[in-house]
N, C-alpha and C. Protein backbone atom coordinates (compact mmCIF):
# COMPACT_ATOMS: atom_id res chain seq x y z
N GLY A 1 100.55 99.82 104.89
CA GLY A 1 99.21 99.56 104.54
C GLY A 1 98.50 100.88 104.26
N PHE A 2 97.24 100.81 103.79
CA PHE A 2 96.46 101.99 103.46
C PHE A 2 96.22 102.87 104.65
N PHE A 3 95.90 102.24 105.83
CA PHE A 3 95.60 103.03 107.00
C PHE A 3 96.83 103.46 107.78
N GLY A 4 98.00 102.86 107.56
CA GLY A 4 99.23 103.28 108.23
C GLY A 4 99.46 102.63 109.57
N LEU A 5 98.47 102.07 110.21
CA LEU A 5 98.61 101.43 111.47
C LEU A 5 98.04 100.07 111.57
N GLY A 6 98.01 99.39 110.46
CA GLY A 6 97.54 98.01 110.48
C GLY A 6 96.09 97.84 109.93
N GLY A 7 95.26 98.81 110.20
CA GLY A 7 93.87 98.75 109.73
C GLY A 7 92.89 98.14 110.74
N GLY A 8 93.36 97.39 111.72
CA GLY A 8 92.42 96.76 112.66
C GLY A 8 91.65 97.75 113.38
N TRP A 9 92.09 99.02 113.55
CA TRP A 9 91.40 100.06 114.25
C TRP A 9 90.16 100.48 113.45
N ALA A 10 90.19 100.20 112.18
CA ALA A 10 89.07 100.55 111.31
C ALA A 10 88.10 99.36 111.10
N VAL A 11 88.69 98.17 110.98
CA VAL A 11 87.95 96.94 110.63
C VAL A 11 87.07 96.59 111.83
N VAL A 12 87.55 96.51 113.05
CA VAL A 12 86.86 96.05 114.17
C VAL A 12 85.51 96.93 114.44
N PRO A 13 85.63 98.23 114.47
CA PRO A 13 84.34 99.02 114.60
C PRO A 13 83.37 98.79 113.47
N VAL A 14 83.83 98.60 112.27
CA VAL A 14 82.98 98.36 111.14
C VAL A 14 82.19 97.05 111.36
N LEU A 15 83.04 96.01 111.73
CA LEU A 15 82.37 94.74 111.85
C LEU A 15 81.43 94.75 113.03
N ASN A 16 81.79 95.43 114.13
CA ASN A 16 80.95 95.42 115.31
C ASN A 16 79.71 96.29 115.18
N PHE A 17 79.88 97.56 114.81
CA PHE A 17 78.78 98.50 114.82
C PHE A 17 77.97 98.42 113.49
N VAL A 18 78.60 98.33 112.34
CA VAL A 18 77.87 98.35 111.06
C VAL A 18 77.28 96.97 110.77
N MET A 19 78.04 95.89 110.96
CA MET A 19 77.56 94.59 110.56
C MET A 19 77.04 93.77 111.80
N ALA A 20 77.03 94.36 112.99
CA ALA A 20 76.47 93.74 114.22
C ALA A 20 77.13 92.50 114.58
N VAL A 21 78.43 92.29 114.28
CA VAL A 21 79.19 91.18 114.73
C VAL A 21 79.61 91.37 116.21
N PRO A 22 79.57 90.41 117.03
CA PRO A 22 79.94 90.60 118.43
C PRO A 22 81.42 91.06 118.50
N LEU A 23 81.77 91.81 119.56
CA LEU A 23 83.07 92.44 119.70
C LEU A 23 84.21 91.48 119.58
N LYS A 24 84.16 90.35 120.35
CA LYS A 24 85.25 89.39 120.39
C LYS A 24 85.40 88.73 119.00
N VAL A 25 84.30 88.43 118.39
CA VAL A 25 84.35 87.88 116.98
C VAL A 25 84.95 88.90 116.02
N SER A 26 84.57 90.15 116.17
CA SER A 26 85.11 91.15 115.33
C SER A 26 86.67 91.30 115.51
N ALA A 27 87.13 91.24 116.68
CA ALA A 27 88.59 91.27 116.93
C ALA A 27 89.27 90.10 116.25
N ALA A 28 88.70 88.93 116.36
CA ALA A 28 89.31 87.76 115.78
C ALA A 28 89.30 87.85 114.25
N CYS A 29 88.13 88.25 113.71
CA CYS A 29 87.98 88.32 112.26
C CYS A 29 88.89 89.39 111.66
N SER A 30 89.08 90.44 112.44
CA SER A 30 89.93 91.54 111.93
C SER A 30 91.34 91.01 111.71
N GLY A 31 91.84 90.16 112.64
CA GLY A 31 93.17 89.57 112.48
C GLY A 31 93.29 88.75 111.23
N VAL A 32 92.25 87.93 110.96
CA VAL A 32 92.25 87.01 109.80
C VAL A 32 92.22 87.92 108.47
N LEU A 33 91.31 88.90 108.48
CA LEU A 33 91.18 89.77 107.28
C LEU A 33 92.54 90.56 107.00
N LEU A 34 93.14 90.98 108.05
CA LEU A 34 94.39 91.73 107.88
C LEU A 34 95.52 90.73 107.43
N ALA A 35 95.48 89.57 107.98
CA ALA A 35 96.49 88.57 107.56
C ALA A 35 96.40 88.21 106.06
N ILE A 36 95.22 88.13 105.58
CA ILE A 36 94.96 87.84 104.13
C ILE A 36 95.54 89.00 103.29
N GLY A 37 95.20 90.27 103.65
CA GLY A 37 95.69 91.39 102.98
C GLY A 37 97.15 91.50 103.05
N ASN A 38 97.80 91.21 104.19
CA ASN A 38 99.25 91.33 104.35
C ASN A 38 99.93 90.16 103.56
N ALA A 39 99.35 89.03 103.44
CA ALA A 39 99.90 87.94 102.71
C ALA A 39 99.95 88.34 101.19
N ALA A 40 98.97 89.02 100.73
CA ALA A 40 98.91 89.48 99.31
C ALA A 40 99.97 90.58 99.15
N ALA A 41 100.10 91.45 100.10
CA ALA A 41 101.05 92.56 99.98
C ALA A 41 102.50 92.11 100.09
N ILE A 42 102.77 91.04 100.70
CA ILE A 42 104.21 90.62 100.88
C ILE A 42 104.63 89.76 99.72
N TRP A 43 103.68 89.28 98.86
CA TRP A 43 103.97 88.42 97.76
C TRP A 43 105.04 89.01 96.80
N PRO A 44 105.08 90.22 96.42
CA PRO A 44 106.07 90.73 95.46
C PRO A 44 107.46 90.68 96.10
N TYR A 45 107.52 90.89 97.41
CA TYR A 45 108.90 90.81 98.10
C TYR A 45 109.36 89.40 98.03
N ILE A 46 108.48 88.46 98.19
CA ILE A 46 108.93 87.06 98.08
C ILE A 46 109.38 86.71 96.71
N ILE A 47 108.67 87.11 95.69
CA ILE A 47 109.02 86.85 94.33
C ILE A 47 110.38 87.37 93.95
N TYR A 48 110.72 88.60 94.39
CA TYR A 48 111.97 89.26 94.01
C TYR A 48 113.09 89.00 95.05
N GLY A 49 112.86 88.07 96.01
CA GLY A 49 113.85 87.74 96.95
C GLY A 49 114.21 88.78 97.95
N ALA A 50 113.33 89.72 98.18
CA ALA A 50 113.61 90.80 99.10
C ALA A 50 113.21 90.45 100.55
N LEU A 51 112.55 89.33 100.75
CA LEU A 51 112.16 88.96 102.08
C LEU A 51 113.26 88.12 102.71
N LEU A 52 113.87 88.67 103.75
CA LEU A 52 114.94 87.95 104.44
C LEU A 52 114.43 87.01 105.49
N PRO A 53 114.74 85.72 105.40
CA PRO A 53 114.31 84.81 106.42
C PRO A 53 114.73 85.11 107.84
N LEU A 54 115.79 85.80 107.94
CA LEU A 54 116.39 86.22 109.23
C LEU A 54 115.41 87.10 109.93
N PHE A 55 114.60 87.94 109.19
CA PHE A 55 113.59 88.82 109.81
C PHE A 55 112.21 88.20 109.77
N ALA A 56 111.94 87.39 108.72
CA ALA A 56 110.63 86.88 108.55
C ALA A 56 110.30 85.75 109.64
N ALA A 57 111.23 84.94 109.91
CA ALA A 57 111.00 83.80 110.82
C ALA A 57 110.66 84.31 112.23
N PRO A 58 111.40 85.25 112.82
CA PRO A 58 111.01 85.72 114.15
C PRO A 58 109.66 86.48 114.17
N TRP A 59 109.39 87.14 113.06
CA TRP A 59 108.09 87.84 112.93
C TRP A 59 106.91 86.85 112.94
N MET A 60 107.15 85.78 112.09
CA MET A 60 106.07 84.72 112.00
C MET A 60 105.88 84.04 113.33
N LEU A 61 106.98 83.71 114.04
CA LEU A 61 106.92 83.12 115.35
C LEU A 61 106.16 84.00 116.34
N GLY A 62 106.49 85.32 116.31
CA GLY A 62 105.75 86.26 117.16
C GLY A 62 104.36 86.30 116.82
N GLN A 63 103.93 86.25 115.59
CA GLN A 63 102.51 86.30 115.18
C GLN A 63 101.73 85.08 115.74
N VAL A 64 102.44 83.91 115.64
CA VAL A 64 101.77 82.65 116.11
C VAL A 64 101.62 82.74 117.65
N VAL A 65 102.72 83.04 118.35
CA VAL A 65 102.66 83.06 119.81
C VAL A 65 101.71 84.15 120.28
N GLY A 66 101.76 85.32 119.63
CA GLY A 66 100.81 86.35 120.03
C GLY A 66 99.34 86.02 119.76
N GLY A 67 99.11 85.30 118.69
CA GLY A 67 97.74 84.86 118.41
C GLY A 67 97.24 83.85 119.39
N ILE A 68 98.12 82.94 119.79
CA ILE A 68 97.74 81.97 120.83
C ILE A 68 97.46 82.65 122.17
N ILE A 69 98.40 83.54 122.59
CA ILE A 69 98.19 84.25 123.85
C ILE A 69 96.92 85.10 123.82
N GLY A 70 96.79 85.87 122.71
CA GLY A 70 95.59 86.74 122.52
C GLY A 70 94.32 85.98 122.57
N ALA A 71 94.25 84.84 121.88
CA ALA A 71 93.01 83.98 121.86
C ALA A 71 92.69 83.52 123.30
N THR A 72 93.73 83.07 123.94
CA THR A 72 93.52 82.60 125.36
C THR A 72 92.99 83.63 126.22
N ILE A 73 93.57 84.83 126.19
CA ILE A 73 93.14 85.91 127.05
C ILE A 73 91.68 86.39 126.60
N LEU A 74 91.43 86.41 125.35
CA LEU A 74 90.12 86.87 124.83
C LEU A 74 89.01 86.01 125.33
N VAL A 75 89.20 84.74 125.47
CA VAL A 75 88.15 83.83 126.01
C VAL A 75 87.86 84.12 127.43
N LYS A 76 88.83 84.52 128.24
CA LYS A 76 88.69 84.72 129.68
C LYS A 76 88.22 86.06 130.13
N VAL A 77 88.25 87.07 129.22
CA VAL A 77 87.87 88.43 129.74
C VAL A 77 86.48 88.72 129.15
N LYS A 78 85.82 89.71 129.86
CA LYS A 78 84.43 90.10 129.43
C LYS A 78 84.56 91.00 128.22
N ALA A 79 83.45 90.93 127.49
CA ALA A 79 83.44 91.80 126.28
C ALA A 79 83.49 93.28 126.60
N SER A 80 82.99 93.68 127.76
CA SER A 80 83.03 95.10 128.15
C SER A 80 84.48 95.54 128.39
N PHE A 81 85.30 94.68 128.97
CA PHE A 81 86.72 94.99 129.09
C PHE A 81 87.42 95.19 127.78
N VAL A 82 87.04 94.24 126.84
CA VAL A 82 87.65 94.34 125.53
C VAL A 82 87.18 95.65 124.83
N ARG A 83 85.95 96.01 125.06
CA ARG A 83 85.42 97.28 124.45
C ARG A 83 86.19 98.49 125.04
N TYR A 84 86.44 98.50 126.30
CA TYR A 84 87.20 99.64 126.94
C TYR A 84 88.64 99.73 126.40
N ILE A 85 89.22 98.57 126.25
CA ILE A 85 90.61 98.50 125.68
C ILE A 85 90.60 99.08 124.26
N LEU A 86 89.62 98.62 123.48
CA LEU A 86 89.49 99.00 122.05
C LEU A 86 89.26 100.49 121.97
N ILE A 87 88.41 101.05 122.88
CA ILE A 87 88.15 102.51 122.85
C ILE A 87 89.43 103.22 123.14
N GLY A 88 90.20 102.71 124.09
CA GLY A 88 91.51 103.41 124.42
C GLY A 88 92.42 103.36 123.24
N ILE A 89 92.52 102.24 122.62
CA ILE A 89 93.44 102.11 121.44
C ILE A 89 92.96 103.07 120.32
N LEU A 90 91.70 103.05 120.10
CA LEU A 90 91.14 103.94 119.06
C LEU A 90 91.36 105.46 119.34
N PHE A 91 91.23 105.80 120.60
CA PHE A 91 91.48 107.15 121.01
C PHE A 91 92.93 107.52 120.78
N LEU A 92 93.91 106.68 121.25
CA LEU A 92 95.29 106.98 121.03
C LEU A 92 95.68 107.00 119.51
N THR A 93 95.04 106.13 118.74
CA THR A 93 95.31 106.05 117.32
C THR A 93 94.83 107.37 116.67
N SER A 94 93.65 107.80 117.08
CA SER A 94 93.08 109.03 116.57
C SER A 94 93.95 110.29 116.83
N ILE A 95 94.48 110.30 118.01
CA ILE A 95 95.41 111.36 118.43
C ILE A 95 96.68 111.36 117.54
N LYS A 96 97.18 110.17 117.36
CA LYS A 96 98.43 110.02 116.56
C LYS A 96 98.17 110.47 115.08
N LEU A 97 96.98 110.05 114.55
CA LEU A 97 96.70 110.45 113.20
C LEU A 97 96.44 111.95 113.09
N ILE A 98 95.86 112.60 114.06
CA ILE A 98 95.60 114.01 114.04
C ILE A 98 97.00 114.75 114.05
N ILE A 99 97.91 114.27 114.94
CA ILE A 99 99.19 114.78 115.06
C ILE A 99 99.95 114.64 113.73
N ARG A 100 99.89 113.46 113.08
CA ARG A 100 100.52 113.27 111.80
C ARG A 100 100.01 114.29 110.76
N GLY A 101 98.62 114.51 110.75
CA GLY A 101 98.02 115.44 109.82
C GLY A 101 98.52 116.89 110.03
N ILE A 102 98.60 117.24 111.36
CA ILE A 102 99.14 118.62 111.67
C ILE A 102 100.53 118.70 111.20
N GLU A 103 101.32 117.72 111.46
CA GLU A 103 102.77 117.80 111.02
C GLU A 103 102.83 117.93 109.50
N GLY A 104 101.98 117.17 108.81
CA GLY A 104 102.03 117.23 107.30
C GLY A 104 101.55 118.57 106.79
N ILE A 105 100.52 119.16 107.40
CA ILE A 105 99.97 120.40 106.92
C ILE A 105 100.90 121.57 107.18
N PHE A 106 101.45 121.62 108.37
CA PHE A 106 102.25 122.74 108.69
C PHE A 106 103.77 122.53 108.55
N GLY A 107 104.16 121.28 108.16
CA GLY A 107 105.59 121.00 107.96
C GLY A 107 106.35 121.10 109.20
N ILE A 108 105.84 120.74 110.34
CA ILE A 108 106.58 120.71 111.63
C ILE A 108 106.59 119.29 112.16
N ASP A 109 107.52 119.14 113.09
CA ASP A 109 107.69 117.78 113.76
C ASP A 109 107.37 117.95 115.20
N LEU A 110 106.20 117.46 115.59
CA LEU A 110 105.82 117.54 117.03
C LEU A 110 106.45 116.38 117.78
N PRO A 111 107.05 116.68 118.97
CA PRO A 111 107.73 115.62 119.70
C PRO A 111 106.84 114.83 120.54
N ILE A 112 105.66 114.45 120.08
CA ILE A 112 104.73 113.62 120.74
C ILE A 112 104.57 112.31 120.05
N PHE A 113 104.61 111.22 120.74
CA PHE A 113 104.55 109.84 120.18
C PHE A 113 105.84 109.55 119.43
């Protein structure tokens, strides 16, 4: 994808802070938005027969099961807890992107992540 890590790390804050969508709704909407984009991106692979059902079926099953589990958990936890988890994920993602940038600029391979 364009962001390299799924894009949810960018979509959720934009929905929450810029568009004033509640955090839990932002997380759910982010998944839907990314699913639409991923469905469009995978279409050429389907057309040319490059999508192997052996890999696609378990992935799709994992998406459905993960979505059900995630939705169940999201209903039961406080928004502040979700916010702290999101902040942690965004922090780790930013560190990883900074490391990737340093590796690209200096042509080195840092043994972190």
